[in-house]
Amino acid sequence: MNAITAASPWHRHLWPWIIIGILTCSVGLTLAMVAIAVTHPDNLVTDNYYEAGKGINRALDRELLGHALNLNASVGLDELTGEVDVRLSGNSQPETLVLNLISPTQPDKDRKVVLARNPSQPGRYVGQLSDRVEGRRFVELLGVENGRVWRLFEEERITPGQRLTLGDEPIQGADRH
């Protein structure tokens, strides 16, 4: 009669450890991805498409008002002093303007500058930037005429020493309005 040899215990074999290792790695990576997703939410995604659509229509109405007022602006950013110089031409000369320099992907790089009209030079507005701005930005200039807000909005690449021109491009989406 042959003696039956006892099989070695499972923890002495290689394959169970390989399977356990794969499962442990996948659980660890899943937990790491969940932690990253919770601590760094994506702020570019909207859940309320209806409100976003209403906002687009309001923005388009403001841009059409700017176009009806024949507004154009030349924007200069002095990188050394931080001074913002805007030359506005057209049928609106409000006391103040708001210039928004919006980063397409990084909200912490957005800048807002309130510009005051220079009393000695008509159409010239001056403000102050807190830090240097470079690269691709959405440039938005807002003003008020007869209680209605107008807007000049374009995507521009900001480079030191170069003036930006707003109001020289056709309004996107205006053909449907």
N, C-alpha and C. Protein backbone atom coordinates (compact mmCIF):
# COMPACT_ATOMS: atom_id res chain seq x y z
N MET A 1 0.83 -1.16 0.00
CA MET A 1 0.00 0.00 0.00
C MET A 1 0.88 1.23 0.00
N ASN A 2 0.45 2.18 -0.84
CA ASN A 2 1.22 3.42 -0.96
C ASN A 2 0.81 4.41 0.13
N ALA A 3 1.77 5.06 0.62
CA ALA A 3 1.47 6.09 1.63
C ALA A 3 1.03 7.36 0.93
N ILE A 4 -0.05 7.95 1.39
CA ILE A 4 -0.54 9.21 0.80
C ILE A 4 0.18 10.35 1.49
N THR A 5 0.84 11.12 0.69
CA THR A 5 1.58 12.24 1.27
C THR A 5 0.65 13.44 1.39
N ALA A 6 0.78 14.11 2.46
CA ALA A 6 -0.04 15.31 2.68
C ALA A 6 0.46 16.44 1.78
N ALA A 7 -0.47 17.15 1.18
CA ALA A 7 -0.09 18.29 0.34
C ALA A 7 0.41 19.42 1.22
N SER A 8 1.33 20.17 0.67
CA SER A 8 1.85 21.29 1.46
C SER A 8 0.77 22.35 1.64
N PRO A 9 0.81 23.13 2.71
CA PRO A 9 -0.23 24.13 2.96
C PRO A 9 -0.27 25.19 1.84
N TRP A 10 -1.44 25.83 1.71
CA TRP A 10 -1.66 26.76 0.61
C TRP A 10 -0.69 27.94 0.63
N HIS A 11 -0.29 28.40 1.78
CA HIS A 11 0.55 29.60 1.86
C HIS A 11 1.99 29.33 1.42
N ARG A 12 2.29 28.08 1.12
CA ARG A 12 3.62 27.77 0.62
C ARG A 12 3.67 27.73 -0.90
N HIS A 13 2.53 27.94 -1.56
CA HIS A 13 2.48 27.95 -3.02
C HIS A 13 2.57 29.39 -3.53
N LEU A 14 3.04 29.55 -4.77
CA LEU A 14 3.23 30.88 -5.37
C LEU A 14 1.94 31.49 -5.87
N TRP A 15 1.07 30.73 -6.52
CA TRP A 15 -0.12 31.28 -7.17
C TRP A 15 -1.11 31.96 -6.23
N PRO A 16 -1.39 31.45 -5.07
CA PRO A 16 -2.30 32.20 -4.18
C PRO A 16 -1.76 33.58 -3.82
N TRP A 17 -0.46 33.69 -3.65
CA TRP A 17 0.13 34.99 -3.32
C TRP A 17 0.07 35.96 -4.50
N ILE A 18 0.21 35.47 -5.70
CA ILE A 18 0.08 36.33 -6.88
C ILE A 18 -1.35 36.88 -6.98
N ILE A 19 -2.33 36.00 -6.78
CA ILE A 19 -3.73 36.44 -6.83
C ILE A 19 -4.04 37.43 -5.72
N ILE A 20 -3.58 37.17 -4.52
CA ILE A 20 -3.79 38.08 -3.39
C ILE A 20 -3.10 39.43 -3.67
N GLY A 21 -1.91 39.40 -4.26
CA GLY A 21 -1.19 40.63 -4.59
C GLY A 21 -1.94 41.48 -5.60
N ILE A 22 -2.49 40.85 -6.64
CA ILE A 22 -3.26 41.59 -7.66
C ILE A 22 -4.49 42.22 -7.03
N LEU A 23 -5.22 41.45 -6.20
CA LEU A 23 -6.41 41.99 -5.55
C LEU A 23 -6.06 43.13 -4.59
N THR A 24 -4.99 43.00 -3.85
CA THR A 24 -4.57 44.05 -2.92
C THR A 24 -4.18 45.32 -3.66
N CYS A 25 -3.46 45.18 -4.76
CA CYS A 25 -3.09 46.36 -5.56
C CYS A 25 -4.31 47.06 -6.13
N SER A 26 -5.27 46.30 -6.64
CA SER A 26 -6.45 46.93 -7.22
C SER A 26 -7.28 47.65 -6.16
N VAL A 27 -7.41 47.08 -4.98
CA VAL A 27 -8.13 47.75 -3.90
C VAL A 27 -7.38 49.02 -3.47
N GLY A 28 -6.07 48.93 -3.35
CA GLY A 28 -5.27 50.10 -2.97
C GLY A 28 -5.37 51.23 -3.99
N LEU A 29 -5.27 50.90 -5.27
CA LEU A 29 -5.39 51.92 -6.32
C LEU A 29 -6.79 52.52 -6.36
N THR A 30 -7.81 51.70 -6.15
CA THR A 30 -9.18 52.21 -6.12
C THR A 30 -9.36 53.20 -4.97
N LEU A 31 -8.87 52.88 -3.81
CA LEU A 31 -8.96 53.79 -2.66
C LEU A 31 -8.18 55.08 -2.92
N ALA A 32 -7.03 54.98 -3.56
CA ALA A 32 -6.25 56.18 -3.88
C ALA A 32 -7.01 57.07 -4.87
N MET A 33 -7.64 56.48 -5.89
CA MET A 33 -8.40 57.27 -6.87
C MET A 33 -9.62 57.93 -6.22
N VAL A 34 -10.28 57.23 -5.33
CA VAL A 34 -11.42 57.82 -4.62
C VAL A 34 -10.95 59.00 -3.78
N ALA A 35 -9.83 58.84 -3.09
CA ALA A 35 -9.30 59.93 -2.27
C ALA A 35 -8.95 61.14 -3.13
N ILE A 36 -8.34 60.93 -4.28
CA ILE A 36 -7.99 62.03 -5.19
C ILE A 36 -9.25 62.70 -5.71
N ALA A 37 -10.25 61.93 -6.09
CA ALA A 37 -11.50 62.50 -6.62
C ALA A 37 -12.23 63.32 -5.57
N VAL A 38 -12.18 62.90 -4.32
CA VAL A 38 -12.89 63.62 -3.26
C VAL A 38 -12.14 64.91 -2.89
N THR A 39 -10.82 64.87 -2.86
CA THR A 39 -10.06 66.05 -2.45
C THR A 39 -9.83 67.04 -3.58
N HIS A 40 -9.95 66.64 -4.83
CA HIS A 40 -9.74 67.53 -5.98
C HIS A 40 -10.93 67.43 -6.93
N PRO A 41 -12.07 68.02 -6.58
CA PRO A 41 -13.24 67.91 -7.46
C PRO A 41 -13.04 68.70 -8.76
N ASP A 42 -13.68 68.24 -9.80
CA ASP A 42 -13.60 68.90 -11.10
C ASP A 42 -14.60 70.04 -11.13
N ASN A 43 -14.12 71.26 -11.14
CA ASN A 43 -15.02 72.42 -11.09
C ASN A 43 -15.47 72.88 -12.47
N LEU A 44 -15.07 72.21 -13.52
CA LEU A 44 -15.46 72.61 -14.87
C LEU A 44 -16.75 71.92 -15.32
N VAL A 45 -17.26 71.02 -14.51
CA VAL A 45 -18.46 70.27 -14.87
C VAL A 45 -19.67 70.91 -14.20
N THR A 46 -20.74 71.08 -14.97
CA THR A 46 -21.96 71.64 -14.40
C THR A 46 -23.05 70.58 -14.39
N ASP A 47 -23.88 70.64 -13.38
CA ASP A 47 -25.00 69.72 -13.29
C ASP A 47 -26.29 70.34 -13.79
N ASN A 48 -26.34 71.66 -13.83
CA ASN A 48 -27.57 72.34 -14.16
C ASN A 48 -27.44 72.98 -15.55
N TYR A 49 -27.77 72.23 -16.58
CA TYR A 49 -27.62 72.72 -17.95
C TYR A 49 -28.61 73.83 -18.27
N TYR A 50 -29.76 73.81 -17.65
CA TYR A 50 -30.76 74.85 -17.89
C TYR A 50 -30.23 76.21 -17.44
N GLU A 51 -29.67 76.27 -16.23
CA GLU A 51 -29.12 77.52 -15.72
C GLU A 51 -27.93 77.96 -16.57
N ALA A 52 -27.10 77.01 -17.00
CA ALA A 52 -25.96 77.36 -17.85
C ALA A 52 -26.45 77.93 -19.17
N GLY A 53 -27.51 77.38 -19.72
CA GLY A 53 -28.08 77.90 -20.98
C GLY A 53 -28.65 79.29 -20.81
N LYS A 54 -29.31 79.55 -19.68
CA LYS A 54 -29.82 80.90 -19.42
C LYS A 54 -28.67 81.89 -19.29
N GLY A 55 -27.58 81.45 -18.66
CA GLY A 55 -26.41 82.32 -18.53
C GLY A 55 -25.79 82.64 -19.88
N ILE A 56 -25.77 81.66 -20.77
CA ILE A 56 -25.24 81.89 -22.12
C ILE A 56 -26.10 82.91 -22.85
N ASN A 57 -27.42 82.80 -22.72
CA ASN A 57 -28.30 83.77 -23.37
C ASN A 57 -28.13 85.17 -22.81
N ARG A 58 -27.97 85.30 -21.48
CA ARG A 58 -27.73 86.61 -20.87
C ARG A 58 -26.43 87.20 -21.38
N ALA A 59 -25.37 86.38 -21.47
CA ALA A 59 -24.08 86.85 -21.95
C ALA A 59 -24.19 87.30 -23.40
N LEU A 60 -24.95 86.54 -24.20
CA LEU A 60 -25.11 86.90 -25.60
C LEU A 60 -25.88 88.21 -25.74
N ASP A 61 -26.89 88.41 -24.91
CA ASP A 61 -27.62 89.68 -24.93
C ASP A 61 -26.72 90.85 -24.59
N ARG A 62 -25.83 90.66 -23.61
CA ARG A 62 -24.90 91.73 -23.23
C ARG A 62 -23.91 92.00 -24.36
N GLU A 63 -23.46 90.95 -25.04
CA GLU A 63 -22.53 91.15 -26.16
C GLU A 63 -23.22 91.85 -27.33
N LEU A 64 -24.47 91.50 -27.58
CA LEU A 64 -25.22 92.18 -28.65
C LEU A 64 -25.43 93.65 -28.32
N LEU A 65 -25.64 93.99 -27.05
CA LEU A 65 -25.74 95.39 -26.66
C LEU A 65 -24.43 96.12 -26.90
N GLY A 66 -23.32 95.49 -26.56
CA GLY A 66 -22.01 96.08 -26.84
C GLY A 66 -21.79 96.31 -28.32
N HIS A 67 -22.24 95.37 -29.13
CA HIS A 67 -22.12 95.53 -30.58
C HIS A 67 -23.02 96.66 -31.08
N ALA A 68 -24.25 96.75 -30.53
CA ALA A 68 -25.17 97.82 -30.94
C ALA A 68 -24.64 99.19 -30.55
N LEU A 69 -23.86 99.27 -29.49
CA LEU A 69 -23.27 100.55 -29.07
C LEU A 69 -21.96 100.85 -29.79
N ASN A 70 -21.57 100.00 -30.74
CA ASN A 70 -20.34 100.16 -31.54
C ASN A 70 -19.10 100.25 -30.65
N LEU A 71 -19.02 99.40 -29.66
CA LEU A 71 -17.92 99.46 -28.71
C LEU A 71 -16.72 98.66 -29.19
N ASN A 72 -15.56 99.25 -28.99
CA ASN A 72 -14.27 98.61 -29.21
C ASN A 72 -13.37 99.05 -28.06
N ALA A 73 -12.45 98.19 -27.70
CA ALA A 73 -11.54 98.53 -26.61
C ALA A 73 -10.14 98.03 -26.92
N SER A 74 -9.19 98.82 -26.51
CA SER A 74 -7.78 98.44 -26.59
C SER A 74 -7.28 98.33 -25.16
N VAL A 75 -6.76 97.16 -24.82
CA VAL A 75 -6.35 96.88 -23.44
C VAL A 75 -4.84 96.71 -23.40
N GLY A 76 -4.21 97.46 -22.50
CA GLY A 76 -2.77 97.34 -22.28
C GLY A 76 -2.49 96.94 -20.86
N LEU A 77 -1.60 95.95 -20.68
CA LEU A 77 -1.21 95.49 -19.35
C LEU A 77 0.28 95.75 -19.17
N ASP A 78 0.63 96.60 -18.21
CA ASP A 78 2.03 96.89 -17.93
C ASP A 78 2.53 95.85 -16.93
N GLU A 79 3.46 95.02 -17.38
CA GLU A 79 3.93 93.92 -16.53
C GLU A 79 4.81 94.39 -15.37
N LEU A 80 5.43 95.56 -15.48
CA LEU A 80 6.28 96.04 -14.40
C LEU A 80 5.48 96.70 -13.27
N THR A 81 4.57 97.60 -13.64
CA THR A 81 3.81 98.33 -12.63
C THR A 81 2.48 97.68 -12.30
N GLY A 82 1.98 96.81 -13.18
CA GLY A 82 0.68 96.18 -12.98
C GLY A 82 -0.48 97.05 -13.42
N GLU A 83 -0.18 98.19 -14.04
CA GLU A 83 -1.25 99.09 -14.47
C GLU A 83 -1.98 98.52 -15.68
N VAL A 84 -3.30 98.64 -15.63
CA VAL A 84 -4.15 98.23 -16.75
C VAL A 84 -4.70 99.50 -17.38
N ASP A 85 -4.48 99.64 -18.68
CA ASP A 85 -4.92 100.83 -19.41
C ASP A 85 -5.89 100.39 -20.49
N VAL A 86 -7.13 100.88 -20.44
CA VAL A 86 -8.14 100.51 -21.43
C VAL A 86 -8.57 101.78 -22.15
N ARG A 87 -8.57 101.70 -23.47
CA ARG A 87 -9.08 102.79 -24.31
C ARG A 87 -10.37 102.30 -24.94
N LEU A 88 -11.48 102.92 -24.55
CA LEU A 88 -12.81 102.50 -25.00
C LEU A 88 -13.33 103.49 -26.02
N SER A 89 -13.79 102.99 -27.16
CA SER A 89 -14.42 103.85 -28.17
C SER A 89 -15.81 103.29 -28.46
N GLY A 90 -16.74 104.19 -28.75
CA GLY A 90 -18.11 103.78 -29.03
C GLY A 90 -19.08 104.70 -28.32
N ASN A 91 -20.32 104.25 -28.20
CA ASN A 91 -21.39 105.08 -27.66
C ASN A 91 -21.69 104.79 -26.20
N SER A 92 -20.68 104.58 -25.39
CA SER A 92 -20.86 104.38 -23.96
C SER A 92 -19.60 104.85 -23.25
N GLN A 93 -19.78 105.63 -22.20
CA GLN A 93 -18.66 106.11 -21.39
C GLN A 93 -19.04 106.02 -19.92
N PRO A 94 -19.18 104.82 -19.36
CA PRO A 94 -19.56 104.70 -17.95
C PRO A 94 -18.45 105.18 -17.02
N GLU A 95 -18.78 105.39 -15.76
CA GLU A 95 -17.79 105.84 -14.78
C GLU A 95 -16.75 104.76 -14.48
N THR A 96 -17.19 103.51 -14.43
CA THR A 96 -16.27 102.41 -14.15
C THR A 96 -16.51 101.26 -15.13
N LEU A 97 -15.47 100.48 -15.32
CA LEU A 97 -15.54 99.25 -16.10
C LEU A 97 -14.98 98.11 -15.24
N VAL A 98 -15.35 96.90 -15.57
CA VAL A 98 -14.78 95.73 -14.91
C VAL A 98 -14.12 94.87 -15.98
N LEU A 99 -12.85 94.59 -15.76
CA LEU A 99 -12.08 93.73 -16.66
C LEU A 99 -11.83 92.41 -15.96
N ASN A 100 -12.30 91.32 -16.57
CA ASN A 100 -12.08 89.97 -16.05
C ASN A 100 -11.12 89.24 -16.98
N LEU A 101 -10.04 88.73 -16.43
CA LEU A 101 -9.09 87.90 -17.17
C LEU A 101 -9.27 86.49 -16.65
N ILE A 102 -9.93 85.65 -17.43
CA ILE A 102 -10.40 84.34 -16.98
C ILE A 102 -9.52 83.25 -17.59
N SER A 103 -8.97 82.41 -16.72
CA SER A 103 -8.20 81.27 -17.18
C SER A 103 -9.18 80.16 -17.57
N PRO A 104 -8.99 79.54 -18.74
CA PRO A 104 -9.93 78.50 -19.17
C PRO A 104 -9.96 77.26 -18.28
N THR A 105 -8.86 76.95 -17.61
CA THR A 105 -8.79 75.70 -16.86
C THR A 105 -8.40 75.85 -15.40
N GLN A 106 -7.90 77.02 -14.99
CA GLN A 106 -7.41 77.18 -13.62
C GLN A 106 -8.08 78.40 -12.97
N PRO A 107 -9.16 78.18 -12.23
CA PRO A 107 -9.88 79.31 -11.63
C PRO A 107 -9.05 80.15 -10.66
N ASP A 108 -8.02 79.57 -10.07
CA ASP A 108 -7.18 80.35 -9.15
C ASP A 108 -6.33 81.38 -9.88
N LYS A 109 -6.25 81.31 -11.20
CA LYS A 109 -5.49 82.28 -11.99
C LYS A 109 -6.39 83.36 -12.60
N ASP A 110 -7.68 83.35 -12.29
CA ASP A 110 -8.60 84.38 -12.75
C ASP A 110 -8.27 85.70 -12.06
N ARG A 111 -8.39 86.80 -12.78
CA ARG A 111 -8.14 88.13 -12.21
C ARG A 111 -9.29 89.06 -12.57
N LYS A 112 -9.65 89.92 -11.61
CA LYS A 112 -10.71 90.91 -11.81
C LYS A 112 -10.13 92.27 -11.47
N VAL A 113 -10.31 93.24 -12.39
CA VAL A 113 -9.79 94.59 -12.19
C VAL A 113 -10.93 95.57 -12.40
N VAL A 114 -11.14 96.45 -11.43
CA VAL A 114 -12.12 97.53 -11.58
C VAL A 114 -11.37 98.73 -12.12
N LEU A 115 -11.85 99.26 -13.24
CA LEU A 115 -11.20 100.37 -13.92
C LEU A 115 -12.00 101.65 -13.73
N ALA A 116 -11.31 102.73 -13.40
CA ALA A 116 -11.96 104.03 -13.22
C ALA A 116 -11.67 104.91 -14.44
N ARG A 117 -12.67 105.70 -14.82
CA ARG A 117 -12.51 106.60 -15.97
C ARG A 117 -11.54 107.72 -15.61
N ASN A 118 -10.66 108.03 -16.52
CA ASN A 118 -9.72 109.13 -16.36
C ASN A 118 -10.44 110.41 -16.77
N PRO A 119 -10.63 111.37 -15.85
CA PRO A 119 -11.41 112.56 -16.19
C PRO A 119 -10.75 113.45 -17.24
N SER A 120 -9.43 113.41 -17.32
CA SER A 120 -8.75 114.29 -18.27
C SER A 120 -8.69 113.72 -19.68
N GLN A 121 -8.86 112.41 -19.82
CA GLN A 121 -8.79 111.78 -21.14
C GLN A 121 -10.05 110.97 -21.37
N PRO A 122 -10.96 111.44 -22.23
CA PRO A 122 -12.19 110.68 -22.48
C PRO A 122 -11.90 109.33 -23.12
N GLY A 123 -12.59 108.32 -22.64
CA GLY A 123 -12.43 106.97 -23.19
C GLY A 123 -11.28 106.19 -22.60
N ARG A 124 -10.55 106.78 -21.66
CA ARG A 124 -9.42 106.07 -21.04
C ARG A 124 -9.81 105.66 -19.63
N TYR A 125 -9.54 104.38 -19.32
CA TYR A 125 -9.84 103.81 -18.01
C TYR A 125 -8.57 103.17 -17.47
N VAL A 126 -8.35 103.34 -16.15
CA VAL A 126 -7.12 102.85 -15.55
C VAL A 126 -7.46 102.02 -14.31
N GLY A 127 -6.71 100.94 -14.12
CA GLY A 127 -6.86 100.07 -12.95
C GLY A 127 -5.53 99.45 -12.60
N GLN A 128 -5.52 98.61 -11.57
CA GLN A 128 -4.28 98.02 -11.10
C GLN A 128 -4.43 96.50 -10.94
N LEU A 129 -3.50 95.76 -11.52
CA LEU A 129 -3.42 94.31 -11.35
C LEU A 129 -2.52 93.99 -10.17
N SER A 130 -2.86 92.96 -9.43
CA SER A 130 -2.05 92.60 -8.26
C SER A 130 -0.81 91.78 -8.65
N ASP A 131 -0.87 91.06 -9.76
CA ASP A 131 0.27 90.26 -10.19
C ASP A 131 0.27 90.13 -11.71
N ARG A 132 1.30 89.52 -12.21
CA ARG A 132 1.52 89.38 -13.65
C ARG A 132 0.57 88.33 -14.24
N VAL A 133 0.07 88.63 -15.45
CA VAL A 133 -0.83 87.71 -16.15
C VAL A 133 -0.24 87.44 -17.53
N GLU A 134 -0.16 86.14 -17.87
CA GLU A 134 0.34 85.75 -19.18
C GLU A 134 -0.42 84.54 -19.68
N GLY A 135 -0.36 84.31 -20.99
CA GLY A 135 -0.93 83.11 -21.56
C GLY A 135 -2.34 83.30 -22.08
N ARG A 136 -2.97 82.19 -22.38
CA ARG A 136 -4.31 82.19 -22.95
C ARG A 136 -5.34 82.54 -21.88
N ARG A 137 -6.19 83.52 -22.19
CA ARG A 137 -7.23 83.96 -21.26
C ARG A 137 -8.48 84.34 -22.04
N PHE A 138 -9.62 84.21 -21.35
CA PHE A 138 -10.85 84.80 -21.84
C PHE A 138 -10.88 86.22 -21.25
N VAL A 139 -10.95 87.23 -22.10
CA VAL A 139 -10.92 88.61 -21.66
C VAL A 139 -12.34 89.15 -21.77
N GLU A 140 -12.86 89.62 -20.63
CA GLU A 140 -14.23 90.12 -20.56
C GLU A 140 -14.20 91.54 -20.01
N LEU A 141 -14.80 92.47 -20.75
CA LEU A 141 -14.91 93.85 -20.32
C LEU A 141 -16.39 94.17 -20.15
N LEU A 142 -16.77 94.61 -18.95
CA LEU A 142 -18.17 94.88 -18.63
C LEU A 142 -18.37 96.35 -18.29
N GLY A 143 -19.48 96.90 -18.76
CA GLY A 143 -19.85 98.27 -18.44
C GLY A 143 -21.36 98.38 -18.40
N VAL A 144 -21.85 99.54 -17.94
CA VAL A 144 -23.29 99.77 -17.82
C VAL A 144 -23.67 101.01 -18.63
N GLU A 145 -24.72 100.88 -19.42
CA GLU A 145 -25.25 102.00 -20.20
C GLU A 145 -26.76 102.02 -20.04
N ASN A 146 -27.31 103.09 -19.48
CA ASN A 146 -28.76 103.25 -19.25
C ASN A 146 -29.33 102.07 -18.45
N GLY A 147 -28.62 101.64 -17.43
CA GLY A 147 -29.11 100.56 -16.57
C GLY A 147 -28.96 99.17 -17.15
N ARG A 148 -28.40 99.04 -18.33
CA ARG A 148 -28.19 97.73 -18.96
C ARG A 148 -26.70 97.44 -19.06
N VAL A 149 -26.34 96.21 -18.76
CA VAL A 149 -24.93 95.80 -18.78
C VAL A 149 -24.56 95.36 -20.20
N TRP A 150 -23.45 95.91 -20.70
CA TRP A 150 -22.90 95.46 -21.98
C TRP A 150 -21.60 94.71 -21.71
N ARG A 151 -21.18 93.96 -22.72
CA ARG A 151 -19.99 93.12 -22.55
C ARG A 151 -19.23 93.00 -23.85
N LEU A 152 -17.90 93.09 -23.74
CA LEU A 152 -16.99 92.72 -24.82
C LEU A 152 -16.24 91.50 -24.33
N PHE A 153 -16.23 90.44 -25.13
CA PHE A 153 -15.67 89.17 -24.69
C PHE A 153 -14.94 88.50 -25.84
N GLU A 154 -13.69 88.15 -25.60
CA GLU A 154 -12.89 87.43 -26.61
C GLU A 154 -11.86 86.56 -25.92
N GLU A 155 -11.43 85.55 -26.64
CA GLU A 155 -10.31 84.73 -26.17
C GLU A 155 -9.04 85.32 -26.76
N GLU A 156 -8.07 85.60 -25.91
CA GLU A 156 -6.83 86.24 -26.34
C GLU A 156 -5.63 85.55 -25.72
N ARG A 157 -4.49 85.71 -26.35
CA ARG A 157 -3.23 85.26 -25.76
C ARG A 157 -2.52 86.51 -25.28
N ILE A 158 -2.30 86.59 -23.97
CA ILE A 158 -1.67 87.77 -23.36
C ILE A 158 -0.16 87.58 -23.38
N THR A 159 0.51 88.52 -24.02
CA THR A 159 1.97 88.53 -24.05
C THR A 159 2.44 89.90 -23.58
N PRO A 160 3.57 89.94 -22.88
CA PRO A 160 4.06 91.22 -22.34
C PRO A 160 4.32 92.24 -23.45
N GLY A 161 3.87 93.48 -23.20
CA GLY A 161 4.12 94.58 -24.12
C GLY A 161 3.17 94.65 -25.31
N GLN A 162 2.22 93.76 -25.42
CA GLN A 162 1.31 93.77 -26.56
C GLN A 162 -0.09 94.16 -26.10
N ARG A 163 -0.72 95.07 -26.84
CA ARG A 163 -2.08 95.50 -26.50
C ARG A 163 -3.09 94.52 -27.09
N LEU A 164 -4.19 94.34 -26.37
CA LEU A 164 -5.28 93.46 -26.82
C LEU A 164 -6.38 94.32 -27.41
N THR A 165 -7.03 93.83 -28.43
CA THR A 165 -8.14 94.55 -29.04
C THR A 165 -9.41 93.73 -28.85
N LEU A 166 -10.42 94.36 -28.23
CA LEU A 166 -11.70 93.70 -27.99
C LEU A 166 -12.76 94.36 -28.87
N GLY A 167 -13.68 93.54 -29.37
CA GLY A 167 -14.77 94.06 -30.19
C GLY A 167 -14.49 94.00 -31.68
N ASP A 168 -13.36 93.42 -32.05
CA ASP A 168 -13.01 93.35 -33.48
C ASP A 168 -13.36 92.01 -34.11
N GLU A 169 -13.85 91.06 -33.32
CA GLU A 169 -14.22 89.75 -33.85
C GLU A 169 -15.74 89.61 -33.84
N PRO A 170 -16.29 88.79 -34.76
CA PRO A 170 -17.73 88.58 -34.74
C PRO A 170 -18.17 87.84 -33.47
N ILE A 171 -19.39 88.11 -33.05
CA ILE A 171 -19.93 87.50 -31.84
C ILE A 171 -20.36 86.07 -32.16
N GLN A 172 -19.84 85.11 -31.39
CA GLN A 172 -20.19 83.71 -31.61
C GLN A 172 -21.61 83.45 -31.12
N GLY A 173 -22.41 82.81 -31.93
CA GLY A 173 -23.78 82.49 -31.56
C GLY A 173 -24.78 83.58 -31.89
N ALA A 174 -24.32 84.71 -32.42
CA ALA A 174 -25.22 85.83 -32.71
C ALA A 174 -26.08 85.56 -33.93
N ASP A 175 -25.68 84.65 -34.79
CA ASP A 175 -26.46 84.35 -36.00
C ASP A 175 -27.78 83.67 -35.65
N ARG A 176 -27.87 83.01 -34.50
CA ARG A 176 -29.11 82.35 -34.09
C ARG A 176 -30.05 83.31 -33.37
N HIS A 177 -29.56 84.45 -32.97
CA HIS A 177 -30.36 85.39 -32.18
C HIS A 177 -31.08 86.38 -33.06
